[in-house]
Amino acid sequence: MSIEIVPCSPAIAAEIRGVDVSKGVTDAEFATIIEAWHRYQVILLRNQSLPTEEQQVAFARRFGELAEVHVPEYQGNHPAVMYIGNLKEKGKSEGALPLGEMEFHIDQCYQQRPAKGTMLYAIEIPSAGGETVFANGYMAYERLPDSVKSRIEGLRATHVYDYGGKGTDRKNMVSIEDGISQAHPIARTHPATGRKSLFVNKLMTHSIEGLDSDESETLLNVMFETISQPELSYVHEWQVGDLLLWDNRCTLHARRDFDPAERRWLRRVTVLGEVPE
């Protein structure tokens, strides 16, 4: 069966058909996959059967060096595997980020080397809700007013996060002093495509370096509103067996709420990225 690539929306994401990851991926198949990933930013492979962590790890490793999980209690048997969801053992959550809505964010933007890519595999999915919304960072940058593009040229934004915190929205953001923080260029150049992408997000971007708080927040809000425009996004409705990989260097993602009484369980592997430029 030949590989077929089907766009999921006009803005971002494509489904790749004709690939069975459990049987291994040839070099020719992977060349097609990586080309699609760079073009569409988010790639989806449905109906995958990956019962073991190592199967997912082996595929993720084709995309680059894997990042180890920072929170041991959410780690799987492999150091690069994390579980996301609300399964409980003796009343305690066994997965990271178990419940609720999450605003747009960029994985590990608060690290010196943010994630290059994030790969999620769906094991259990609620009957409704819990969708992941992806936004195109290239288009968000291109849609900014020229005056904003000029103002942010060469500027950096500081991102902050607290692994022990519960914040899933901006009003609960931890302070720079109390969290893990790192500054990166606001307009990031993708090392493979050469295109500029907006590298700020509502959940974790604290402020813009060198600007007073009012101007920083005003500029950030313009960018946040641009990112949230529906025509820049794709809403992914999860199915069991979905394997989804997004390019963290040029996309943002958010999670919609779901019934906490229903089980949601996904396996995550993260590909380590480079220092943004």
Protein backbone atom coordinates (compact mmCIF):
# COMPACT_ATOMS: atom_id res chain seq x y z
CA MET A 1 0.00 0.00 0.00
CA SER A 2 1.42 3.37 -1.01
CA ILE A 3 1.56 6.29 1.39
CA GLU A 4 -1.26 8.83 1.09
CA ILE A 5 -1.14 12.28 2.69
CA VAL A 6 -4.50 13.94 3.40
CA PRO A 7 -4.64 17.48 4.84
CA CYS A 8 -6.76 17.76 7.99
CA SER A 9 -7.54 21.46 7.59
CA PRO A 10 -6.58 24.37 5.30
CA ALA A 11 -4.24 25.76 7.95
CA ILE A 12 -2.32 22.90 9.54
CA ALA A 13 -2.01 19.12 10.01
CA ALA A 14 -2.23 16.12 7.69
CA GLU A 15 -3.13 12.46 8.07
CA ILE A 16 -0.59 9.98 6.74
CA ARG A 17 -2.19 6.77 5.50
CA GLY A 18 -0.54 3.53 4.51
CA VAL A 19 2.03 3.32 7.32
CA ASP A 20 2.04 0.69 10.07
CA VAL A 21 4.54 1.88 12.67
CA SER A 22 4.46 -1.47 14.50
CA LYS A 23 6.03 -3.16 11.46
CA GLY A 24 8.81 -0.61 11.17
CA VAL A 25 9.26 2.27 8.75
CA THR A 26 11.63 2.09 5.79
CA ASP A 27 14.01 4.92 4.97
CA ALA A 28 11.93 5.81 1.91
CA GLU A 29 8.74 5.90 3.97
CA PHE A 30 10.41 8.00 6.63
CA ALA A 31 11.64 10.50 4.03
CA THR A 32 8.01 10.98 2.97
CA ILE A 33 6.90 11.31 6.59
CA ILE A 34 9.54 13.90 7.52
CA GLU A 35 8.74 15.93 4.40
CA ALA A 36 5.05 15.92 5.34
CA TRP A 37 5.92 16.88 8.92
CA HIS A 38 7.89 19.91 7.78
CA ARG A 39 5.15 20.92 5.37
CA TYR A 40 2.07 20.36 7.57
CA GLN A 41 3.65 20.78 11.04
CA VAL A 42 1.34 18.15 12.57
CA ILE A 43 1.09 14.59 11.29
CA LEU A 44 -1.50 11.99 12.25
CA LEU A 45 -1.32 8.21 11.83
CA ARG A 46 -4.58 6.51 12.79
CA ASN A 47 -5.30 2.93 13.85
CA GLN A 48 -1.81 2.23 15.12
CA SER A 49 -1.23 -0.71 17.46
CA LEU A 50 1.67 0.11 19.79
CA PRO A 51 1.17 -1.87 23.00
CA THR A 52 4.77 -1.39 24.16
CA GLU A 53 6.62 1.78 25.03
CA GLU A 54 9.63 0.68 23.00
CA GLN A 55 7.65 0.65 19.75
CA GLN A 56 6.74 4.29 20.14
CA VAL A 57 10.21 5.19 21.40
CA ALA A 58 11.85 3.55 18.38
CA PHE A 59 9.71 5.56 15.96
CA ALA A 60 10.17 8.82 17.86
CA ARG A 61 13.93 8.31 17.87
CA ARG A 62 13.93 8.54 14.06
CA PHE A 63 13.13 12.25 14.47
CA GLY A 64 16.06 13.01 16.80
CA GLU A 65 17.43 12.77 20.31
CA LEU A 66 14.77 12.01 22.91
CA ALA A 67 14.21 14.18 25.97
CA GLU A 68 14.01 12.50 29.36
CA VAL A 69 10.90 13.07 31.48
CA HIS A 70 11.46 15.75 34.14
CA VAL A 71 8.86 14.48 36.63
CA PRO A 72 9.70 10.93 37.77
CA GLU A 73 6.21 10.07 39.05
CA TYR A 74 4.75 10.41 35.53
CA GLN A 75 7.57 8.52 33.82
CA GLY A 76 7.02 5.17 32.18
CA ASN A 77 9.47 2.29 32.17
CA HIS A 78 11.53 4.13 29.55
CA PRO A 79 13.07 7.48 30.67
CA ALA A 80 11.64 9.29 27.61
CA VAL A 81 8.06 8.10 28.14
CA MET A 82 5.45 10.10 30.03
CA TYR A 83 1.78 9.28 30.56
CA ILE A 84 -0.83 12.00 30.22
CA GLY A 85 -4.26 11.44 31.74
CA ASN A 86 -6.49 10.82 34.70
CA LEU A 87 -6.11 7.15 35.56
CA LYS A 88 -5.75 6.68 39.31
CA GLU A 89 -4.09 4.16 41.58
CA LYS A 90 -5.22 4.20 45.24
CA GLY A 91 -6.87 7.57 44.69
CA LYS A 92 -3.75 9.21 43.27
CA SER A 93 -3.41 10.34 39.66
CA GLU A 94 -0.90 8.27 37.72
CA GLY A 95 -0.59 10.66 34.78
CA ALA A 96 0.48 14.26 34.17
CA LEU A 97 -2.00 17.04 33.41
CA PRO A 98 -4.97 14.82 34.30
CA LEU A 99 -7.92 17.19 34.00
CA GLY A 100 -9.30 20.35 32.53
CA GLU A 101 -8.83 22.78 29.72
CA MET A 102 -5.37 24.10 28.85
CA GLU A 103 -4.65 27.34 27.00
CA PHE A 104 -2.36 27.48 23.97
CA HIS A 105 1.21 26.58 24.84
CA ILE A 106 4.53 25.36 23.44
CA ASP A 107 6.07 22.31 25.10
CA GLN A 108 9.15 23.04 27.21
CA CYS A 109 9.54 26.60 25.94
CA TYR A 110 10.86 27.39 29.44
CA GLN A 111 13.91 25.14 28.80
CA GLN A 112 17.13 26.18 27.05
CA ARG A 113 16.42 23.51 24.41
CA PRO A 114 12.64 23.32 24.01
CA ALA A 115 11.04 20.23 22.51
CA LYS A 116 11.56 19.71 18.80
CA GLY A 117 8.53 17.49 18.53
CA THR A 118 5.94 15.87 20.77
CA MET A 119 4.44 12.47 19.96
CA LEU A 120 1.20 11.36 21.62
CA TYR A 121 -0.36 7.91 21.34
CA ALA A 122 -4.01 7.52 22.36
CA ILE A 123 -4.75 4.53 24.61
CA GLU A 124 -8.07 5.56 26.22
CA ILE A 125 -10.24 8.47 25.09
CA PRO A 126 -13.43 9.98 26.62
CA SER A 127 -16.67 9.81 24.64
CA ALA A 128 -16.67 13.60 24.22
CA GLY A 129 -14.29 16.49 24.82
CA GLY A 130 -10.55 16.46 25.40
CA GLU A 131 -9.80 17.56 21.84
CA THR A 132 -6.40 19.07 21.07
CA VAL A 133 -6.43 22.34 19.11
CA PHE A 134 -3.35 23.13 17.02
CA ALA A 135 -2.43 26.61 15.77
CA ASN A 136 -0.07 27.45 12.92
CA GLY A 137 2.80 29.57 14.30
CA TYR A 138 4.00 30.55 10.81
CA MET A 139 0.61 31.98 9.87
CA ALA A 140 0.29 33.71 13.24
CA TYR A 141 3.56 35.56 12.64
CA GLU A 142 2.66 36.43 9.05
CA ARG A 143 -0.70 37.88 10.14
CA LEU A 144 0.74 40.30 12.66
CA PRO A 145 0.44 44.00 11.80
CA ASP A 146 3.64 45.35 10.27
CA SER A 147 4.05 47.70 13.24
CA VAL A 148 4.06 44.73 15.65
CA LYS A 149 6.47 42.74 13.48
CA SER A 150 8.86 45.71 13.49
CA ARG A 151 8.55 46.20 17.25
CA ILE A 152 9.28 42.56 18.15
CA GLU A 153 12.19 42.20 15.71
CA GLY A 154 15.18 40.99 17.71
CA LEU A 155 13.25 40.87 20.99
CA ARG A 156 13.05 37.90 23.32
CA ALA A 157 10.27 36.70 25.60
CA THR A 158 10.68 34.93 28.92
CA HIS A 159 8.72 31.72 29.44
CA VAL A 160 8.10 30.22 32.86
CA TYR A 161 6.67 27.00 34.29
CA ASP A 162 6.38 25.14 37.58
CA TYR A 163 6.31 21.34 37.39
CA GLY A 164 4.64 21.16 40.78
CA GLY A 165 1.97 23.74 39.94
CA LYS A 166 -1.57 23.26 38.73
CA GLY A 167 -1.85 26.24 36.42
CA THR A 168 -3.61 25.57 33.13
CA ASP A 169 -4.37 29.19 32.30
CA ARG A 170 -2.57 32.53 32.32
CA LYS A 171 -4.08 33.87 35.54
CA ASN A 172 -2.39 31.05 37.48
CA MET A 173 1.06 31.54 35.93
CA VAL A 174 3.93 31.13 38.35
CA SER A 175 6.37 34.01 38.83
CA ILE A 176 9.79 33.98 37.16
CA GLU A 177 11.41 33.74 40.59
CA ASP A 178 9.37 30.71 41.64
CA GLY A 179 9.44 28.72 38.40
CA ILE A 180 11.77 27.40 35.72
CA SER A 181 12.35 30.13 33.14
CA GLN A 182 14.13 30.80 29.87
CA ALA A 183 14.09 33.58 27.27
CA HIS A 184 13.86 32.88 23.53
CA PRO A 185 13.37 34.96 20.35
CA ILE A 186 9.74 35.96 19.83
CA ALA A 187 10.03 35.39 16.08
CA ARG A 188 11.79 32.05 15.83
CA THR A 189 13.41 30.82 12.61
CA HIS A 190 12.75 27.15 11.89
CA PRO A 191 16.09 25.40 11.21
CA ALA A 192 14.67 23.10 8.52
CA THR A 193 12.29 25.41 6.64
CA GLY A 194 13.91 28.81 7.24
CA ARG A 195 10.48 30.32 7.99
CA LYS A 196 9.70 32.57 10.94
CA SER A 197 7.18 31.39 13.50
CA LEU A 198 5.63 33.14 16.48
CA PHE A 199 7.21 31.60 19.57
CA VAL A 200 5.07 32.95 22.42
CA ASN A 201 2.07 31.42 24.16
CA LYS A 202 -0.63 32.44 26.58
CA LEU A 203 0.02 29.71 29.15
CA MET A 204 3.77 30.10 29.72
CA THR A 205 5.05 33.38 28.23
CA HIS A 206 5.56 35.75 31.14
CA SER A 207 6.88 38.94 29.53
CA ILE A 208 9.06 40.50 26.84
CA GLU A 209 12.61 41.32 27.86
CA GLY A 210 13.54 45.00 28.01
CA LEU A 211 9.97 46.37 27.87
CA ASP A 212 7.86 47.80 30.65
CA SER A 213 4.99 45.60 31.81
CA ASP A 214 2.26 47.59 30.03
CA GLU A 215 3.91 47.52 26.60
CA SER A 216 4.93 43.90 27.06
CA GLU A 217 1.39 42.81 27.92
CA THR A 218 -0.13 44.87 25.10
CA LEU A 219 2.14 43.31 22.49
CA LEU A 220 1.67 39.81 23.90
CA ASN A 221 -2.11 40.18 23.83
CA VAL A 222 -2.00 41.14 20.14
CA MET A 223 0.00 38.00 19.46
CA PHE A 224 -2.22 35.80 21.64
CA GLU A 225 -5.34 37.03 19.84
CA THR A 226 -3.73 36.36 16.46
CA ILE A 227 -2.76 32.83 17.49
CA SER A 228 -6.32 32.07 18.61
CA GLN A 229 -7.94 32.95 15.26
CA PRO A 230 -9.95 29.84 14.24
CA GLU A 231 -8.79 29.95 10.62
CA LEU A 232 -5.23 29.27 11.80
CA SER A 233 -6.16 26.08 13.61
CA TYR A 234 -7.09 22.41 13.43
CA VAL A 235 -9.17 20.68 16.11
CA HIS A 236 -8.13 17.07 16.58
CA GLU A 237 -10.83 14.71 17.84
CA TRP A 238 -8.95 11.79 19.33
CA GLN A 239 -9.58 8.13 18.57
CA VAL A 240 -7.97 5.15 20.24
CA GLY A 241 -4.90 4.17 18.22
CA ASP A 242 -4.13 7.71 17.04
CA LEU A 243 -0.42 8.49 16.86
CA LEU A 244 0.13 12.20 16.45
CA LEU A 245 3.36 14.20 16.18
CA TRP A 246 3.59 17.97 16.13
CA ASP A 247 6.52 20.25 15.35
CA ASN A 248 6.86 22.24 18.55
CA ARG A 249 9.04 24.84 16.81
CA CYS A 250 6.22 26.22 14.66
CA THR A 251 2.96 25.12 16.28
CA LEU A 252 1.01 25.79 19.44
CA HIS A 253 -1.56 23.51 21.03
CA ALA A 254 -4.37 23.70 23.55
CA ARG A 255 -6.66 21.16 25.20
CA ARG A 256 -10.41 21.34 25.56
CA ASP A 257 -12.17 20.25 28.73
CA PHE A 258 -13.77 16.83 29.19
CA ASP A 259 -15.82 14.91 31.76
CA PRO A 260 -13.42 14.01 34.61
CA ALA A 261 -15.50 10.90 35.29
CA GLU A 262 -14.36 9.46 31.95
CA ARG A 263 -10.91 8.00 31.40
CA ARG A 264 -8.35 9.75 29.20
CA TRP A 265 -4.91 8.14 28.85
CA LEU A 266 -2.16 8.93 26.34
CA ARG A 267 1.51 8.00 26.07
CA ARG A 268 3.92 10.82 25.28
CA VAL A 269 7.47 10.84 23.92
CA THR A 270 9.28 14.13 23.35
CA VAL A 271 12.05 14.80 20.83
CA LEU A 272 14.67 17.23 22.15
CA GLY A 273 15.16 20.38 20.11
CA GLU A 274 17.87 22.94 19.52
CA VAL A 275 18.41 26.36 21.10
CA PRO A 276 15.95 28.67 19.26
CA GLU A 277 17.29 31.35 16.93
